[in-house]
ModelCIF file with pLDDT and N, C-alpha, C, O atoms, coordinates in Angstrom:
data_MODEL
#
_entry.id   MODEL 
#
_entity.id                         1 
_entity.type                       polymer 
_entity.pdbx_number_of_molecules   1 
#
_entity_poly.entity_id                      1 
_entity_poly.type                           'polypeptide(L)' 
_entity_poly.nstd_linkage                   no 
_entity_poly.nstd_monomer                   no 
_entity_poly.pdbx_seq_one_letter_code       KITGGEPLVRRGCAGLVARLKELPGVEQVTLTTNGVLLAEQIAALEK 
_entity_poly.pdbx_seq_one_letter_code_can   KITGGEPLVRRGCAGLVARLKELPGVEQVTLTTNGVLLAEQIAALEK 
_entity_poly.pdbx_strand_id                 A 
#
loop_
_entity_poly_seq.entity_id 
_entity_poly_seq.num 
_entity_poly_seq.mon_id 
_entity_poly_seq.hetero 
1 1  LYS n 
1 2  ILE n 
1 3  THR n 
1 4  GLY n 
1 5  GLY n 
1 6  GLU n 
1 7  PRO n 
1 8  LEU n 
1 9  VAL n 
1 10 ARG n 
1 11 ARG n 
1 12 GLY n 
1 13 CYS n 
1 14 ALA n 
1 15 GLY n 
1 16 LEU n 
1 17 VAL n 
1 18 ALA n 
1 19 ARG n 
1 20 LEU n 
1 21 LYS n 
1 22 GLU n 
1 23 LEU n 
1 24 PRO n 
1 25 GLY n 
1 26 VAL n 
1 27 GLU n 
1 28 GLN n 
1 29 VAL n 
1 30 THR n 
1 31 LEU n 
1 32 THR n 
1 33 THR n 
1 34 ASN n 
1 35 GLY n 
1 36 VAL n 
1 37 LEU n 
1 38 LEU n 
1 39 ALA n 
1 40 GLU n 
1 41 GLN n 
1 42 ILE n 
1 43 ALA n 
1 44 ALA n 
1 45 LEU n 
1 46 GLU n 
1 47 LYS n 
#
_struct_asym.id          A 
_struct_asym.entity_id   1 
#
loop_
_ma_qa_metric.id 
_ma_qa_metric.mode 
_ma_qa_metric.name 
_ma_qa_metric.software_group_id 
_ma_qa_metric.type 
1 global pLDDT . pLDDT 
2 local  pLDDT . pLDDT 
#
_ma_qa_metric_global.metric_id      1 
_ma_qa_metric_global.metric_value   97.47 
_ma_qa_metric_global.model_id       1 
_ma_qa_metric_global.ordinal_id     1 
#
loop_
_ma_qa_metric_local.label_asym_id 
_ma_qa_metric_local.label_comp_id 
_ma_qa_metric_local.label_seq_id 
_ma_qa_metric_local.metric_id 
_ma_qa_metric_local.metric_value 
_ma_qa_metric_local.model_id 
_ma_qa_metric_local.ordinal_id 
A LYS 1  2 97.00 1 1  
A ILE 2  2 98.00 1 2  
A THR 3  2 97.00 1 3  
A GLY 4  2 95.00 1 4  
A GLY 5  2 93.00 1 5  
A GLU 6  2 96.00 1 6  
A PRO 7  2 98.00 1 7  
A LEU 8  2 98.00 1 8  
A VAL 9  2 97.00 1 9  
A ARG 10 2 97.00 1 10 
A ARG 11 2 97.00 1 11 
A GLY 12 2 98.00 1 12 
A CYS 13 2 98.00 1 13 
A ALA 14 2 98.00 1 14 
A GLY 15 2 98.00 1 15 
A LEU 16 2 98.00 1 16 
A VAL 17 2 98.00 1 17 
A ALA 18 2 98.00 1 18 
A ARG 19 2 98.00 1 19 
A LEU 20 2 98.00 1 20 
A LYS 21 2 98.00 1 21 
A GLU 22 2 98.00 1 22 
A LEU 23 2 98.00 1 23 
A PRO 24 2 97.00 1 24 
A GLY 25 2 97.00 1 25 
A VAL 26 2 98.00 1 26 
A GLU 27 2 97.00 1 27 
A GLN 28 2 97.00 1 28 
A VAL 29 2 98.00 1 29 
A THR 30 2 98.00 1 30 
A LEU 31 2 98.00 1 31 
A THR 32 2 97.00 1 32 
A THR 33 2 98.00 1 33 
A ASN 34 2 96.00 1 34 
A GLY 35 2 97.00 1 35 
A VAL 36 2 97.00 1 36 
A LEU 37 2 97.00 1 37 
A LEU 38 2 98.00 1 38 
A ALA 39 2 98.00 1 39 
A GLU 40 2 98.00 1 40 
A GLN 41 2 98.00 1 41 
A ILE 42 2 98.00 1 42 
A ALA 43 2 98.00 1 43 
A ALA 44 2 98.00 1 44 
A LEU 45 2 98.00 1 45 
A GLU 46 2 98.00 1 46 
A LYS 47 2 98.00 1 47 
#
loop_
_atom_site.group_PDB 
_atom_site.id 
_atom_site.type_symbol 
_atom_site.label_atom_id 
_atom_site.label_alt_id 
_atom_site.label_comp_id 
_atom_site.label_asym_id 
_atom_site.label_entity_id 
_atom_site.label_seq_id 
_atom_site.pdbx_PDB_ins_code 
_atom_site.Cartn_x 
_atom_site.Cartn_y 
_atom_site.Cartn_z 
_atom_site.occupancy 
_atom_site.B_iso_or_equiv 
_atom_site.pdbx_formal_charge 
_atom_site.auth_seq_id 
_atom_site.auth_comp_id 
_atom_site.auth_asym_id 
_atom_site.auth_atom_id 
_atom_site.pdbx_PDB_model_num 
ATOM 1   N N  . LYS A 1 1  ? 116.234 115.003 72.998 1.00 97.00 ? 1  LYS A N  1 
ATOM 2   C CA . LYS A 1 1  ? 115.129 114.631 72.337 1.00 97.00 ? 1  LYS A CA 1 
ATOM 3   C C  . LYS A 1 1  ? 115.348 114.172 70.873 1.00 97.00 ? 1  LYS A C  1 
ATOM 4   O O  . LYS A 1 1  ? 115.567 114.931 69.929 1.00 97.00 ? 1  LYS A O  1 
ATOM 5   N N  . ILE A 1 2  ? 115.255 112.801 70.818 1.00 98.00 ? 2  ILE A N  1 
ATOM 6   C CA . ILE A 1 2  ? 115.637 111.863 69.743 1.00 98.00 ? 2  ILE A CA 1 
ATOM 7   C C  . ILE A 1 2  ? 114.262 112.116 68.402 1.00 98.00 ? 2  ILE A C  1 
ATOM 8   O O  . ILE A 1 2  ? 113.080 111.778 68.476 1.00 98.00 ? 2  ILE A O  1 
ATOM 9   N N  . THR A 1 3  ? 114.884 112.718 67.423 1.00 97.00 ? 3  THR A N  1 
ATOM 10  C CA . THR A 1 3  ? 113.930 112.901 66.276 1.00 97.00 ? 3  THR A CA 1 
ATOM 11  C C  . THR A 1 3  ? 114.608 112.206 64.767 1.00 97.00 ? 3  THR A C  1 
ATOM 12  O O  . THR A 1 3  ? 115.523 111.383 64.742 1.00 97.00 ? 3  THR A O  1 
ATOM 13  N N  . GLY A 1 4  ? 114.045 112.659 63.814 1.00 95.00 ? 4  GLY A N  1 
ATOM 14  C CA . GLY A 1 4  ? 114.440 112.259 62.552 1.00 95.00 ? 4  GLY A CA 1 
ATOM 15  C C  . GLY A 1 4  ? 114.627 113.381 61.341 1.00 95.00 ? 4  GLY A C  1 
ATOM 16  O O  . GLY A 1 4  ? 115.370 114.307 61.666 1.00 95.00 ? 4  GLY A O  1 
ATOM 17  N N  . GLY A 1 5  ? 114.154 113.444 60.182 1.00 93.00 ? 5  GLY A N  1 
ATOM 18  C CA . GLY A 1 5  ? 113.348 111.971 59.798 1.00 93.00 ? 5  GLY A CA 1 
ATOM 19  C C  . GLY A 1 5  ? 112.092 111.347 60.755 1.00 93.00 ? 5  GLY A C  1 
ATOM 20  O O  . GLY A 1 5  ? 111.480 112.088 61.524 1.00 93.00 ? 5  GLY A O  1 
ATOM 21  N N  . GLU A 1 6  ? 111.838 110.191 60.650 1.00 96.00 ? 6  GLU A N  1 
ATOM 22  C CA . GLU A 1 6  ? 111.220 109.696 61.529 1.00 96.00 ? 6  GLU A CA 1 
ATOM 23  C C  . GLU A 1 6  ? 111.898 108.681 62.309 1.00 96.00 ? 6  GLU A C  1 
ATOM 24  O O  . GLU A 1 6  ? 112.246 107.629 61.773 1.00 96.00 ? 6  GLU A O  1 
ATOM 25  N N  . PRO A 1 7  ? 112.171 108.978 63.860 1.00 98.00 ? 7  PRO A N  1 
ATOM 26  C CA . PRO A 1 7  ? 113.252 108.081 64.294 1.00 98.00 ? 7  PRO A CA 1 
ATOM 27  C C  . PRO A 1 7  ? 112.921 106.516 64.418 1.00 98.00 ? 7  PRO A C  1 
ATOM 28  O O  . PRO A 1 7  ? 113.806 105.661 64.448 1.00 98.00 ? 7  PRO A O  1 
ATOM 29  N N  . LEU A 1 8  ? 111.605 106.247 64.483 1.00 98.00 ? 8  LEU A N  1 
ATOM 30  C CA . LEU A 1 8  ? 111.288 104.972 64.827 1.00 98.00 ? 8  LEU A CA 1 
ATOM 31  C C  . LEU A 1 8  ? 111.340 103.981 63.417 1.00 98.00 ? 8  LEU A C  1 
ATOM 32  O O  . LEU A 1 8  ? 110.947 102.814 63.403 1.00 98.00 ? 8  LEU A O  1 
ATOM 33  N N  . VAL A 1 9  ? 111.832 104.610 62.405 1.00 97.00 ? 9  VAL A N  1 
ATOM 34  C CA . VAL A 1 9  ? 112.154 103.503 61.225 1.00 97.00 ? 9  VAL A CA 1 
ATOM 35  C C  . VAL A 1 9  ? 113.676 103.106 61.357 1.00 97.00 ? 9  VAL A C  1 
ATOM 36  O O  . VAL A 1 9  ? 114.192 102.227 60.667 1.00 97.00 ? 9  VAL A O  1 
ATOM 37  N N  . ARG A 1 10 ? 114.269 103.762 62.208 1.00 97.00 ? 10 ARG A N  1 
ATOM 38  C CA . ARG A 1 10 ? 115.540 103.019 62.372 1.00 97.00 ? 10 ARG A CA 1 
ATOM 39  C C  . ARG A 1 10 ? 115.262 102.157 63.616 1.00 97.00 ? 10 ARG A C  1 
ATOM 40  O O  . ARG A 1 10 ? 114.638 102.503 64.619 1.00 97.00 ? 10 ARG A O  1 
ATOM 41  N N  . ARG A 1 11 ? 115.993 100.656 63.299 1.00 97.00 ? 11 ARG A N  1 
ATOM 42  C CA . ARG A 1 11 ? 115.842 99.872  64.237 1.00 97.00 ? 11 ARG A CA 1 
ATOM 43  C C  . ARG A 1 11 ? 116.766 100.261 65.629 1.00 97.00 ? 11 ARG A C  1 
ATOM 44  O O  . ARG A 1 11 ? 117.864 100.806 65.522 1.00 97.00 ? 11 ARG A O  1 
ATOM 45  N N  . GLY A 1 12 ? 116.228 99.940  66.800 1.00 98.00 ? 12 GLY A N  1 
ATOM 46  C CA . GLY A 1 12 ? 116.949 99.824  67.914 1.00 98.00 ? 12 GLY A CA 1 
ATOM 47  C C  . GLY A 1 12 ? 116.774 101.303 68.842 1.00 98.00 ? 12 GLY A C  1 
ATOM 48  O O  . GLY A 1 12 ? 117.369 101.647 69.864 1.00 98.00 ? 12 GLY A O  1 
ATOM 49  N N  . CYS A 1 13 ? 115.925 101.867 68.206 1.00 98.00 ? 13 CYS A N  1 
ATOM 50  C CA . CYS A 1 13 ? 115.463 103.475 68.593 1.00 98.00 ? 13 CYS A CA 1 
ATOM 51  C C  . CYS A 1 13 ? 115.098 103.037 70.367 1.00 98.00 ? 13 CYS A C  1 
ATOM 52  O O  . CYS A 1 13 ? 115.710 103.820 71.093 1.00 98.00 ? 13 CYS A O  1 
ATOM 53  N N  . ALA A 1 14 ? 114.559 102.363 70.898 1.00 98.00 ? 14 ALA A N  1 
ATOM 54  C CA . ALA A 1 14 ? 114.285 102.265 72.147 1.00 98.00 ? 14 ALA A CA 1 
ATOM 55  C C  . ALA A 1 14 ? 115.857 101.884 73.128 1.00 98.00 ? 14 ALA A C  1 
ATOM 56  O O  . ALA A 1 14 ? 116.202 102.342 74.217 1.00 98.00 ? 14 ALA A O  1 
ATOM 57  N N  . GLY A 1 15 ? 116.439 101.052 72.378 1.00 98.00 ? 15 GLY A N  1 
ATOM 58  C CA . GLY A 1 15 ? 117.645 100.422 72.917 1.00 98.00 ? 15 GLY A CA 1 
ATOM 59  C C  . GLY A 1 15 ? 118.497 102.011 73.036 1.00 98.00 ? 15 GLY A C  1 
ATOM 60  O O  . GLY A 1 15 ? 118.915 102.222 74.175 1.00 98.00 ? 15 GLY A O  1 
ATOM 61  N N  . LEU A 1 16 ? 118.758 102.998 72.129 1.00 98.00 ? 16 LEU A N  1 
ATOM 62  C CA . LEU A 1 16 ? 119.535 104.014 72.169 1.00 98.00 ? 16 LEU A CA 1 
ATOM 63  C C  . LEU A 1 16 ? 118.682 104.761 73.309 1.00 98.00 ? 16 LEU A C  1 
ATOM 64  O O  . LEU A 1 16 ? 119.394 105.087 74.258 1.00 98.00 ? 16 LEU A O  1 
ATOM 65  N N  . VAL A 1 17 ? 117.401 105.091 73.436 1.00 98.00 ? 17 VAL A N  1 
ATOM 66  C CA . VAL A 1 17 ? 116.428 105.504 74.542 1.00 98.00 ? 17 VAL A CA 1 
ATOM 67  C C  . VAL A 1 17 ? 117.321 105.321 76.014 1.00 98.00 ? 17 VAL A C  1 
ATOM 68  O O  . VAL A 1 17 ? 117.815 106.167 76.759 1.00 98.00 ? 17 VAL A O  1 
ATOM 69  N N  . ALA A 1 18 ? 117.289 103.772 76.076 1.00 98.00 ? 18 ALA A N  1 
ATOM 70  C CA . ALA A 1 18 ? 117.582 103.244 77.186 1.00 98.00 ? 18 ALA A CA 1 
ATOM 71  C C  . ALA A 1 18 ? 119.070 103.526 77.820 1.00 98.00 ? 18 ALA A C  1 
ATOM 72  O O  . ALA A 1 18 ? 119.343 103.780 78.993 1.00 98.00 ? 18 ALA A O  1 
ATOM 73  N N  . ARG A 1 19 ? 119.943 103.407 76.704 1.00 98.00 ? 19 ARG A N  1 
ATOM 74  C CA . ARG A 1 19 ? 121.641 103.985 77.136 1.00 98.00 ? 19 ARG A CA 1 
ATOM 75  C C  . ARG A 1 19 ? 121.809 105.114 77.381 1.00 98.00 ? 19 ARG A C  1 
ATOM 76  O O  . ARG A 1 19 ? 122.639 105.419 78.237 1.00 98.00 ? 19 ARG A O  1 
ATOM 77  N N  . LEU A 1 20 ? 120.985 106.201 76.624 1.00 98.00 ? 20 LEU A N  1 
ATOM 78  C CA . LEU A 1 20 ? 120.982 107.520 76.797 1.00 98.00 ? 20 LEU A CA 1 
ATOM 79  C C  . LEU A 1 20 ? 120.523 107.845 78.510 1.00 98.00 ? 20 LEU A C  1 
ATOM 80  O O  . LEU A 1 20 ? 121.079 108.603 79.304 1.00 98.00 ? 20 LEU A O  1 
ATOM 81  N N  . LYS A 1 21 ? 119.635 107.203 78.659 1.00 98.00 ? 21 LYS A N  1 
ATOM 82  C CA . LYS A 1 21 ? 119.187 107.146 80.278 1.00 98.00 ? 21 LYS A CA 1 
ATOM 83  C C  . LYS A 1 21 ? 119.947 107.074 81.334 1.00 98.00 ? 21 LYS A C  1 
ATOM 84  O O  . LYS A 1 21 ? 119.820 107.601 82.439 1.00 98.00 ? 21 LYS A O  1 
ATOM 85  N N  . GLU A 1 22 ? 120.851 106.293 80.856 1.00 98.00 ? 22 GLU A N  1 
ATOM 86  C CA . GLU A 1 22 ? 122.062 105.666 81.842 1.00 98.00 ? 22 GLU A CA 1 
ATOM 87  C C  . GLU A 1 22 ? 123.131 106.525 82.058 1.00 98.00 ? 22 GLU A C  1 
ATOM 88  O O  . GLU A 1 22 ? 123.870 106.320 83.021 1.00 98.00 ? 22 GLU A O  1 
ATOM 89  N N  . LEU A 1 23 ? 123.351 107.597 81.192 1.00 98.00 ? 23 LEU A N  1 
ATOM 90  C CA . LEU A 1 23 ? 124.608 108.592 80.921 1.00 98.00 ? 23 LEU A CA 1 
ATOM 91  C C  . LEU A 1 23 ? 124.422 109.520 82.332 1.00 98.00 ? 23 LEU A C  1 
ATOM 92  O O  . LEU A 1 23 ? 123.408 110.134 82.664 1.00 98.00 ? 23 LEU A O  1 
ATOM 93  N N  . PRO A 1 24 ? 125.581 109.441 82.984 1.00 97.00 ? 24 PRO A N  1 
ATOM 94  C CA . PRO A 1 24 ? 125.653 110.683 83.990 1.00 97.00 ? 24 PRO A CA 1 
ATOM 95  C C  . PRO A 1 24 ? 125.180 112.397 83.461 1.00 97.00 ? 24 PRO A C  1 
ATOM 96  O O  . PRO A 1 24 ? 125.745 112.845 82.463 1.00 97.00 ? 24 PRO A O  1 
ATOM 97  N N  . GLY A 1 25 ? 124.500 112.963 83.941 1.00 97.00 ? 25 GLY A N  1 
ATOM 98  C CA . GLY A 1 25 ? 123.990 114.083 83.756 1.00 97.00 ? 25 GLY A CA 1 
ATOM 99  C C  . GLY A 1 25 ? 123.007 114.365 82.743 1.00 97.00 ? 25 GLY A C  1 
ATOM 100 O O  . GLY A 1 25 ? 122.790 115.482 82.271 1.00 97.00 ? 25 GLY A O  1 
ATOM 101 N N  . VAL A 1 26 ? 122.234 112.942 82.332 1.00 98.00 ? 26 VAL A N  1 
ATOM 102 C CA . VAL A 1 26 ? 121.325 113.468 81.303 1.00 98.00 ? 26 VAL A CA 1 
ATOM 103 C C  . VAL A 1 26 ? 119.965 113.034 82.196 1.00 98.00 ? 26 VAL A C  1 
ATOM 104 O O  . VAL A 1 26 ? 119.766 111.939 82.722 1.00 98.00 ? 26 VAL A O  1 
ATOM 105 N N  . GLU A 1 27 ? 119.217 114.045 82.208 1.00 97.00 ? 27 GLU A N  1 
ATOM 106 C CA . GLU A 1 27 ? 118.042 114.006 83.251 1.00 97.00 ? 27 GLU A CA 1 
ATOM 107 C C  . GLU A 1 27 ? 116.580 113.805 82.066 1.00 97.00 ? 27 GLU A C  1 
ATOM 108 O O  . GLU A 1 27 ? 115.574 113.350 82.609 1.00 97.00 ? 27 GLU A O  1 
ATOM 109 N N  . GLN A 1 28 ? 116.487 114.054 80.872 1.00 97.00 ? 28 GLN A N  1 
ATOM 110 C CA . GLN A 1 28 ? 115.302 113.716 80.326 1.00 97.00 ? 28 GLN A CA 1 
ATOM 111 C C  . GLN A 1 28 ? 115.699 113.448 78.883 1.00 97.00 ? 28 GLN A C  1 
ATOM 112 O O  . GLN A 1 28 ? 116.451 114.189 78.251 1.00 97.00 ? 28 GLN A O  1 
ATOM 113 N N  . VAL A 1 29 ? 115.045 112.143 78.317 1.00 98.00 ? 29 VAL A N  1 
ATOM 114 C CA . VAL A 1 29 ? 115.178 111.438 76.870 1.00 98.00 ? 29 VAL A CA 1 
ATOM 115 C C  . VAL A 1 29 ? 113.860 111.560 76.511 1.00 98.00 ? 29 VAL A C  1 
ATOM 116 O O  . VAL A 1 29 ? 113.045 111.066 77.291 1.00 98.00 ? 29 VAL A O  1 
ATOM 117 N N  . THR A 1 30 ? 113.294 112.308 75.136 1.00 98.00 ? 30 THR A N  1 
ATOM 118 C CA . THR A 1 30 ? 111.837 112.565 74.903 1.00 98.00 ? 30 THR A CA 1 
ATOM 119 C C  . THR A 1 30 ? 112.070 112.200 73.104 1.00 98.00 ? 30 THR A C  1 
ATOM 120 O O  . THR A 1 30 ? 113.066 112.239 72.382 1.00 98.00 ? 30 THR A O  1 
ATOM 121 N N  . LEU A 1 31 ? 110.843 111.899 72.893 1.00 98.00 ? 31 LEU A N  1 
ATOM 122 C CA . LEU A 1 31 ? 110.860 111.158 71.220 1.00 98.00 ? 31 LEU A CA 1 
ATOM 123 C C  . LEU A 1 31 ? 109.979 112.417 70.429 1.00 98.00 ? 31 LEU A C  1 
ATOM 124 O O  . LEU A 1 31 ? 109.119 112.909 71.160 1.00 98.00 ? 31 LEU A O  1 
ATOM 125 N N  . THR A 1 32 ? 110.037 112.814 69.500 1.00 97.00 ? 32 THR A N  1 
ATOM 126 C CA . THR A 1 32 ? 109.176 112.816 68.381 1.00 97.00 ? 32 THR A CA 1 
ATOM 127 C C  . THR A 1 32 ? 109.110 112.077 67.419 1.00 97.00 ? 32 THR A C  1 
ATOM 128 O O  . THR A 1 32 ? 110.042 111.479 66.881 1.00 97.00 ? 32 THR A O  1 
ATOM 129 N N  . THR A 1 33 ? 107.845 112.071 67.104 1.00 98.00 ? 33 THR A N  1 
ATOM 130 C CA . THR A 1 33 ? 107.280 110.775 65.833 1.00 98.00 ? 33 THR A CA 1 
ATOM 131 C C  . THR A 1 33 ? 106.131 111.360 64.970 1.00 98.00 ? 33 THR A C  1 
ATOM 132 O O  . THR A 1 33 ? 105.665 112.457 65.279 1.00 98.00 ? 33 THR A O  1 
ATOM 133 N N  . ASN A 1 34 ? 105.634 110.641 63.853 1.00 96.00 ? 34 ASN A N  1 
ATOM 134 C CA . ASN A 1 34 ? 104.632 111.277 63.130 1.00 96.00 ? 34 ASN A CA 1 
ATOM 135 C C  . ASN A 1 34 ? 103.758 109.973 63.905 1.00 96.00 ? 34 ASN A C  1 
ATOM 136 O O  . ASN A 1 34 ? 102.570 110.159 63.645 1.00 96.00 ? 34 ASN A O  1 
ATOM 137 N N  . GLY A 1 35 ? 103.871 109.140 64.476 1.00 97.00 ? 35 GLY A N  1 
ATOM 138 C CA . GLY A 1 35 ? 103.100 107.789 65.080 1.00 97.00 ? 35 GLY A CA 1 
ATOM 139 C C  . GLY A 1 35 ? 102.848 106.763 64.283 1.00 97.00 ? 35 GLY A C  1 
ATOM 140 O O  . GLY A 1 35 ? 102.387 105.732 64.774 1.00 97.00 ? 35 GLY A O  1 
ATOM 141 N N  . VAL A 1 36 ? 103.064 106.844 63.134 1.00 97.00 ? 36 VAL A N  1 
ATOM 142 C CA . VAL A 1 36 ? 102.459 105.388 62.424 1.00 97.00 ? 36 VAL A CA 1 
ATOM 143 C C  . VAL A 1 36 ? 103.043 104.176 63.047 1.00 97.00 ? 36 VAL A C  1 
ATOM 144 O O  . VAL A 1 36 ? 102.314 103.187 63.123 1.00 97.00 ? 36 VAL A O  1 
ATOM 145 N N  . LEU A 1 37 ? 104.448 104.100 63.575 1.00 97.00 ? 37 LEU A N  1 
ATOM 146 C CA . LEU A 1 37 ? 104.869 102.986 64.362 1.00 97.00 ? 37 LEU A CA 1 
ATOM 147 C C  . LEU A 1 37 ? 104.708 102.930 65.837 1.00 97.00 ? 37 LEU A C  1 
ATOM 148 O O  . LEU A 1 37 ? 105.018 102.041 66.631 1.00 97.00 ? 37 LEU A O  1 
ATOM 149 N N  . LEU A 1 38 ? 104.168 104.050 66.010 1.00 98.00 ? 38 LEU A N  1 
ATOM 150 C CA . LEU A 1 38 ? 104.609 104.385 67.924 1.00 98.00 ? 38 LEU A CA 1 
ATOM 151 C C  . LEU A 1 38 ? 103.700 103.295 68.428 1.00 98.00 ? 38 LEU A C  1 
ATOM 152 O O  . LEU A 1 38 ? 104.239 102.919 69.469 1.00 98.00 ? 38 LEU A O  1 
ATOM 153 N N  . ALA A 1 39 ? 102.349 102.425 68.195 1.00 98.00 ? 39 ALA A N  1 
ATOM 154 C CA . ALA A 1 39 ? 101.753 101.471 68.990 1.00 98.00 ? 39 ALA A CA 1 
ATOM 155 C C  . ALA A 1 39 ? 102.399 100.287 69.109 1.00 98.00 ? 39 ALA A C  1 
ATOM 156 O O  . ALA A 1 39 ? 102.286 99.611  70.132 1.00 98.00 ? 39 ALA A O  1 
ATOM 157 N N  . GLU A 1 40 ? 103.247 99.862  67.933 1.00 98.00 ? 40 GLU A N  1 
ATOM 158 C CA . GLU A 1 40 ? 103.781 98.569  68.187 1.00 98.00 ? 40 GLU A CA 1 
ATOM 159 C C  . GLU A 1 40 ? 105.138 98.632  68.953 1.00 98.00 ? 40 GLU A C  1 
ATOM 160 O O  . GLU A 1 40 ? 105.673 97.565  69.255 1.00 98.00 ? 40 GLU A O  1 
ATOM 161 N N  . GLN A 1 41 ? 105.759 99.877  69.304 1.00 98.00 ? 41 GLN A N  1 
ATOM 162 C CA . GLN A 1 41 ? 107.037 100.179 69.612 1.00 98.00 ? 41 GLN A CA 1 
ATOM 163 C C  . GLN A 1 41 ? 106.764 100.971 71.083 1.00 98.00 ? 41 GLN A C  1 
ATOM 164 O O  . GLN A 1 41 ? 107.770 101.280 71.722 1.00 98.00 ? 41 GLN A O  1 
ATOM 165 N N  . ILE A 1 42 ? 105.753 101.230 71.508 1.00 98.00 ? 42 ILE A N  1 
ATOM 166 C CA . ILE A 1 42 ? 105.364 101.891 72.641 1.00 98.00 ? 42 ILE A CA 1 
ATOM 167 C C  . ILE A 1 42 ? 105.966 101.256 74.023 1.00 98.00 ? 42 ILE A C  1 
ATOM 168 O O  . ILE A 1 42 ? 106.522 101.876 74.929 1.00 98.00 ? 42 ILE A O  1 
ATOM 169 N N  . ALA A 1 43 ? 105.684 99.741  73.937 1.00 98.00 ? 43 ALA A N  1 
ATOM 170 C CA . ALA A 1 43 ? 105.899 98.969  75.340 1.00 98.00 ? 43 ALA A CA 1 
ATOM 171 C C  . ALA A 1 43 ? 107.551 99.057  75.459 1.00 98.00 ? 43 ALA A C  1 
ATOM 172 O O  . ALA A 1 43 ? 107.890 99.386  76.596 1.00 98.00 ? 43 ALA A O  1 
ATOM 173 N N  . ALA A 1 44 ? 108.497 98.871  74.680 1.00 98.00 ? 44 ALA A N  1 
ATOM 174 C CA . ALA A 1 44 ? 110.217 98.936  74.518 1.00 98.00 ? 44 ALA A CA 1 
ATOM 175 C C  . ALA A 1 44 ? 110.202 100.421 74.934 1.00 98.00 ? 44 ALA A C  1 
ATOM 176 O O  . ALA A 1 44 ? 110.927 100.706 75.887 1.00 98.00 ? 44 ALA A O  1 
ATOM 177 N N  . LEU A 1 45 ? 109.443 101.470 74.328 1.00 98.00 ? 45 LEU A N  1 
ATOM 178 C CA . LEU A 1 45 ? 109.883 102.692 74.541 1.00 98.00 ? 45 LEU A CA 1 
ATOM 179 C C  . LEU A 1 45 ? 109.905 103.453 76.106 1.00 98.00 ? 45 LEU A C  1 
ATOM 180 O O  . LEU A 1 45 ? 110.622 104.348 76.555 1.00 98.00 ? 45 LEU A O  1 
ATOM 181 N N  . GLU A 1 46 ? 108.625 102.555 76.788 1.00 98.00 ? 46 GLU A N  1 
ATOM 182 C CA . GLU A 1 46 ? 108.183 102.849 78.056 1.00 98.00 ? 46 GLU A CA 1 
ATOM 183 C C  . GLU A 1 46 ? 109.262 102.015 79.013 1.00 98.00 ? 46 GLU A C  1 
ATOM 184 O O  . GLU A 1 46 ? 109.598 102.405 80.131 1.00 98.00 ? 46 GLU A O  1 
ATOM 185 N N  . LYS A 1 47 ? 109.691 100.939 78.449 1.00 98.00 ? 47 LYS A N  1 
ATOM 186 C CA . LYS A 1 47 ? 110.697 100.032 79.325 1.00 98.00 ? 47 LYS A CA 1 
ATOM 187 C C  . LYS A 1 47 ? 111.850 100.975 79.287 1.00 98.00 ? 47 LYS A C  1 
ATOM 188 O O  . LYS A 1 47 ? 112.902 100.687 79.856 1.00 98.00 ? 47 LYS A O  1 
#
């Protein structure tokens, strides 16, 4: 689970999610957010 502080204030959060998902043995990657920046980053996180 990716957390903070608020994780979406750090640039490249979605890229980190993608790279974590590629690691052998990693089954799930999730995120906790306050939601303020979520709408503008949701497409990248989904991808």
